[in-house]
PDB file of N, CA and C in Angstrom:
ATOM      1  N   MET A   1      -0.317  21.228  -2.919  1.00  0.00           N
ATOM      2  CA  MET A   1      -0.278  20.493  -4.166  1.00  0.00           C
ATOM      3  C   MET A   1       0.048  19.030  -3.884  1.00  0.00           C
ATOM      4  N   THR A   2      -0.712  18.138  -4.463  1.00  0.00           N
ATOM      5  CA  THR A   2      -0.519  16.716  -4.270  1.00  0.00           C
ATOM      6  C   THR A   2       0.602  16.203  -5.168  1.00  0.00           C
ATOM      7  N   LYS A   3       1.503  15.422  -4.566  1.00  0.00           N
ATOM      8  CA  LYS A   3       2.600  14.833  -5.337  1.00  0.00           C
ATOM      9  C   LYS A   3       2.074  13.688  -6.206  1.00  0.00           C
ATOM     10  N   PRO A   4       2.713  13.418  -7.326  1.00  0.00           N
ATOM     11  CA  PRO A   4       2.288  12.305  -8.179  1.00  0.00           C
ATOM     12  C   PRO A   4       2.260  10.957  -7.442  1.00  0.00           C
ATOM     13  N   GLU A   5       3.196  10.762  -6.518  1.00  0.00           N
ATOM     14  CA  GLU A   5       3.238   9.518  -5.754  1.00  0.00           C
ATOM     15  C   GLU A   5       1.992   9.363  -4.894  1.00  0.00           C
ATOM     16  N   ASP A   6       1.514  10.479  -4.326  1.00  0.00           N
ATOM     17  CA  ASP A   6       0.311  10.439  -3.496  1.00  0.00           C
ATOM     18  C   ASP A   6      -0.931  10.127  -4.332  1.00  0.00           C
ATOM     19  N   LYS A   7      -1.006  10.720  -5.500  1.00  0.00           N
ATOM     20  CA  LYS A   7      -2.125  10.443  -6.407  1.00  0.00           C
ATOM     21  C   LYS A   7      -2.118   8.976  -6.830  1.00  0.00           C
ATOM     22  N   ALA A   8      -0.942   8.466  -7.146  1.00  0.00           N
ATOM     23  CA  ALA A   8      -0.820   7.066  -7.549  1.00  0.00           C
ATOM     24  C   ALA A   8      -1.252   6.148  -6.412  1.00  0.00           C
ATOM     25  N   ARG A   9      -0.831   6.444  -5.192  1.00  0.00           N
ATOM     26  CA  ARG A   9      -1.191   5.628  -4.035  1.00  0.00           C
ATOM     27  C   ARG A   9      -2.702   5.613  -3.842  1.00  0.00           C
ATOM     28  N   GLU A  10      -3.362   6.754  -3.980  1.00  0.00           N
ATOM     29  CA  GLU A  10      -4.816   6.819  -3.835  1.00  0.00           C
ATOM     30  C   GLU A  10      -5.504   5.946  -4.886  1.00  0.00           C
ATOM     31  N   LEU A  11      -5.041   6.030  -6.123  1.00  0.00           N
ATOM     32  CA  LEU A  11      -5.631   5.241  -7.202  1.00  0.00           C
ATOM     33  C   LEU A  11      -5.401   3.744  -6.988  1.00  0.00           C
ATOM     34  N   ILE A  12      -4.194   3.383  -6.603  1.00  0.00           N
ATOM     35  CA  ILE A  12      -3.878   1.973  -6.350  1.00  0.00           C
ATOM     36  C   ILE A  12      -4.719   1.439  -5.203  1.00  0.00           C
ATOM     37  N   ASP A  13      -4.803   2.195  -4.104  1.00  0.00           N
ATOM     38  CA  ASP A  13      -5.613   1.766  -2.958  1.00  0.00           C
ATOM     39  C   ASP A  13      -7.074   1.580  -3.359  1.00  0.00           C
ATOM     40  N   GLN A  14      -7.608   2.517  -4.128  1.00  0.00           N
ATOM     41  CA  GLN A  14      -8.999   2.450  -4.566  1.00  0.00           C
ATOM     42  C   GLN A  14      -9.239   1.186  -5.394  1.00  0.00           C
ATOM     43  N   ARG A  15      -8.343   0.897  -6.310  1.00  0.00           N
ATOM     44  CA  ARG A  15      -8.512  -0.281  -7.170  1.00  0.00           C
ATOM     45  C   ARG A  15      -8.361  -1.585  -6.393  1.00  0.00           C
ATOM     46  N   LEU A  16      -7.437  -1.609  -5.446  1.00  0.00           N
ATOM     47  CA  LEU A  16      -7.296  -2.806  -4.617  1.00  0.00           C
ATOM     48  C   LEU A  16      -8.559  -3.037  -3.787  1.00  0.00           C
ATOM     49  N   GLN A  17      -9.112  -1.967  -3.219  1.00  0.00           N
ATOM     50  CA  GLN A  17     -10.336  -2.091  -2.428  1.00  0.00           C
ATOM     51  C   GLN A  17     -11.502  -2.564  -3.293  1.00  0.00           C
ATOM     52  N   GLN A  18     -11.607  -2.061  -4.504  1.00  0.00           N
ATOM     53  CA  GLN A  18     -12.664  -2.490  -5.420  1.00  0.00           C
ATOM     54  C   GLN A  18     -12.535  -3.975  -5.750  1.00  0.00           C
ATOM     55  N   ALA A  19     -11.315  -4.482  -5.724  1.00  0.00           N
ATOM     56  CA  ALA A  19     -11.068  -5.896  -6.016  1.00  0.00           C
ATOM     57  C   ALA A  19     -11.201  -6.771  -4.767  1.00  0.00           C
ATOM     58  N   GLY A  20     -11.552  -6.166  -3.626  1.00  0.00           N
ATOM     59  CA  GLY A  20     -11.788  -6.937  -2.416  1.00  0.00           C
ATOM     60  C   GLY A  20     -10.640  -7.009  -1.432  1.00  0.00           C
ATOM     61  N   TRP A  21      -9.571  -6.277  -1.692  1.00  0.00           N
ATOM     62  CA  TRP A  21      -8.427  -6.280  -0.784  1.00  0.00           C
ATOM     63  C   TRP A  21      -8.678  -5.357   0.406  1.00  0.00           C
ATOM     64  N   VAL A  22      -8.054  -5.682   1.537  1.00  0.00           N
ATOM     65  CA  VAL A  22      -8.045  -4.834   2.716  1.00  0.00           C
ATOM     66  C   VAL A  22      -6.746  -4.036   2.671  1.00  0.00           C
ATOM     67  N   ILE A  23      -6.833  -2.708   2.764  1.00  0.00           N
ATOM     68  CA  ILE A  23      -5.655  -1.845   2.703  1.00  0.00           C
ATOM     69  C   ILE A  23      -5.328  -1.394   4.121  1.00  0.00           C
ATOM     70  N   GLN A  24      -4.077  -1.568   4.525  1.00  0.00           N
ATOM     71  CA  GLN A  24      -3.678  -1.223   5.894  1.00  0.00           C
ATOM     72  C   GLN A  24      -2.354  -0.468   5.903  1.00  0.00           C
ATOM     73  N   ASP A  25      -2.190   0.353   6.925  1.00  0.00           N
ATOM     74  CA  ASP A  25      -0.891   0.944   7.220  1.00  0.00           C
ATOM     75  C   ASP A  25      -0.116  -0.071   8.044  1.00  0.00           C
ATOM     76  N   MET A  26       1.192  -0.007   8.027  1.00  0.00           N
ATOM     77  CA  MET A  26       2.012  -0.961   8.761  1.00  0.00           C
ATOM     78  C   MET A  26       1.690  -0.951  10.255  1.00  0.00           C
ATOM     79  N   ALA A  27       1.361   0.218  10.809  1.00  0.00           N
ATOM     80  CA  ALA A  27       1.072   0.331  12.243  1.00  0.00           C
ATOM     81  C   ALA A  27      -0.165  -0.482  12.641  1.00  0.00           C
ATOM     82  N   GLN A  28      -1.088  -0.706  11.710  1.00  0.00           N
ATOM     83  CA  GLN A  28      -2.304  -1.463  12.002  1.00  0.00           C
ATOM     84  C   GLN A  28      -2.307  -2.832  11.307  1.00  0.00           C
ATOM     85  N   PHE A  29      -1.147  -3.324  10.923  1.00  0.00           N
ATOM     86  CA  PHE A  29      -1.050  -4.555  10.141  1.00  0.00           C
ATOM     87  C   PHE A  29      -1.701  -5.734  10.845  1.00  0.00           C
ATOM     88  N   ASN A  30      -2.652  -6.353  10.152  1.00  0.00           N
ATOM     89  CA  ASN A  30      -3.323  -7.555  10.629  1.00  0.00           C
ATOM     90  C   ASN A  30      -3.394  -8.513   9.439  1.00  0.00           C
ATOM     91  N   PRO A  31      -2.520  -9.502   9.379  1.00  0.00           N
ATOM     92  CA  PRO A  31      -2.449 -10.372   8.204  1.00  0.00           C
ATOM     93  C   PRO A  31      -3.691 -11.231   7.978  1.00  0.00           C
ATOM     94  N   VAL A  32      -4.567 -11.337   8.961  1.00  0.00           N
ATOM     95  CA  VAL A  32      -5.780 -12.136   8.795  1.00  0.00           C
ATOM     96  C   VAL A  32      -7.033 -11.262   8.686  1.00  0.00           C
ATOM     97  N   ALA A  33      -6.861  -9.988   8.357  1.00  0.00           N
ATOM     98  CA  ALA A  33      -7.990  -9.060   8.256  1.00  0.00           C
ATOM     99  C   ALA A  33      -8.897  -9.380   7.071  1.00  0.00           C
ATOM    100  N   GLY A  34      -8.394 -10.095   6.100  1.00  0.00           N
ATOM    101  CA  GLY A  34      -9.179 -10.443   4.921  1.00  0.00           C
ATOM    102  C   GLY A  34      -8.410 -11.422   4.062  1.00  0.00           C
ATOM    103  N   ARG A  35      -9.031 -11.841   2.995  1.00  0.00           N
ATOM    104  CA  ARG A  35      -8.369 -12.791   2.102  1.00  0.00           C
ATOM    105  C   ARG A  35      -7.157 -12.178   1.414  1.00  0.00           C
ATOM    106  N   GLY A  36      -7.263 -10.914   1.036  1.00  0.00           N
ATOM    107  CA  GLY A  36      -6.147 -10.187   0.454  1.00  0.00           C
ATOM    108  C   GLY A  36      -5.848  -8.962   1.297  1.00  0.00           C
ATOM    109  N   VAL A  37      -4.626  -8.840   1.754  1.00  0.00           N
ATOM    110  CA  VAL A  37      -4.233  -7.708   2.593  1.00  0.00           C
ATOM    111  C   VAL A  37      -3.057  -7.002   1.934  1.00  0.00           C
ATOM    112  N   ALA A  38      -3.213  -5.702   1.683  1.00  0.00           N
ATOM    113  CA  ALA A  38      -2.132  -4.883   1.124  1.00  0.00           C
ATOM    114  C   ALA A  38      -1.675  -3.920   2.212  1.00  0.00           C
ATOM    115  N   VAL A  39      -0.363  -3.835   2.377  1.00  0.00           N
ATOM    116  CA  VAL A  39       0.210  -2.988   3.427  1.00  0.00           C
ATOM    117  C   VAL A  39       0.954  -1.829   2.788  1.00  0.00           C
ATOM    118  N   ARG A  40       0.595  -0.612   3.195  1.00  0.00           N
ATOM    119  CA  ARG A  40       1.285   0.579   2.698  1.00  0.00           C
ATOM    120  C   ARG A  40       2.664   0.677   3.347  1.00  0.00           C
ATOM    121  N   GLU A  41       3.656   1.047   2.560  1.00  0.00           N
ATOM    122  CA  GLU A  41       5.002   1.315   3.073  1.00  0.00           C
ATOM    123  C   GLU A  41       5.551   0.148   3.893  1.00  0.00           C
ATOM    124  N   PHE A  42       5.465  -1.055   3.353  1.00  0.00           N
ATOM    125  CA  PHE A  42       5.965  -2.237   4.059  1.00  0.00           C
ATOM    126  C   PHE A  42       7.489  -2.183   4.111  1.00  0.00           C
ATOM    127  N   PRO A  43       8.072  -2.314   5.319  1.00  0.00           N
ATOM    128  CA  PRO A  43       9.539  -2.229   5.429  1.00  0.00           C
ATOM    129  C   PRO A  43      10.216  -3.478   4.849  1.00  0.00           C
ATOM    130  N   THR A  44      11.393  -3.288   4.290  1.00  0.00           N
ATOM    131  CA  THR A  44      12.184  -4.405   3.777  1.00  0.00           C
ATOM    132  C   THR A  44      13.561  -4.392   4.439  1.00  0.00           C
ATOM    133  N   ASP A  45      14.274  -5.490   4.312  1.00  0.00           N
ATOM    134  CA  ASP A  45      15.618  -5.576   4.894  1.00  0.00           C
ATOM    135  C   ASP A  45      16.584  -4.580   4.279  1.00  0.00           C
ATOM    136  N   THR A  46      16.350  -4.222   3.022  1.00  0.00           N
ATOM    137  CA  THR A  46      17.264  -3.323   2.311  1.00  0.00           C
ATOM    138  C   THR A  46      16.768  -1.887   2.241  1.00  0.00           C
ATOM    139  N   GLY A  47      15.663  -1.592   2.909  1.00  0.00           N
ATOM    140  CA  GLY A  47      15.131  -0.227   2.891  1.00  0.00           C
ATOM    141  C   GLY A  47      14.097  -0.059   1.797  1.00  0.00           C
ATOM    142  N   PRO A  48      13.731   1.179   1.511  1.00  0.00           N
ATOM    143  CA  PRO A  48      12.703   1.419   0.500  1.00  0.00           C
ATOM    144  C   PRO A  48      13.177   1.030  -0.890  1.00  0.00           C
ATOM    145  N   PRO A  49      12.227   0.710  -1.794  1.00  0.00           N
ATOM    146  CA  PRO A  49      12.630   0.348  -3.146  1.00  0.00           C
ATOM    147  C   PRO A  49      13.232   1.528  -3.889  1.00  0.00           C
ATOM    148  N   ASN A  50      14.066   1.234  -4.846  1.00  0.00           N
ATOM    149  CA  ASN A  50      14.669   2.273  -5.681  1.00  0.00           C
ATOM    150  C   ASN A  50      13.686   2.600  -6.793  1.00  0.00           C
ATOM    151  N   THR A  51      13.093   3.786  -6.744  1.00  0.00           N
ATOM    152  CA  THR A  51      12.079   4.157  -7.726  1.00  0.00           C
ATOM    153  C   THR A  51      12.592   5.195  -8.713  1.00  0.00           C
ATOM    154  N   CYS A  52      13.891   5.410  -8.725  1.00  0.00           N
ATOM    155  CA  CYS A  52      14.434   6.452  -9.589  1.00  0.00           C
ATOM    156  C   CYS A  52      14.553   6.039 -11.053  1.00  0.00           C
ATOM    157  N   CYS A  53      14.632   4.698 -11.350  1.00  0.00           N
ATOM    158  CA  CYS A  53      14.950   4.277 -12.720  1.00  0.00           C
ATOM    159  C   CYS A  53      13.900   3.357 -13.312  1.00  0.00           C
TER     160      CYS A  53
END
């Protein structure tokens, strides 16, 4: 069973790609791969965002 977060990620990625963005995982991050680059699961200094509220 697919989690709601996974479904949302697929939809977001699809829409970003339709708008011309390059979607990448952090392991393959290339900031000059295109005019718009979106990175999945980008690390932050404080850890993952709080999505509970």
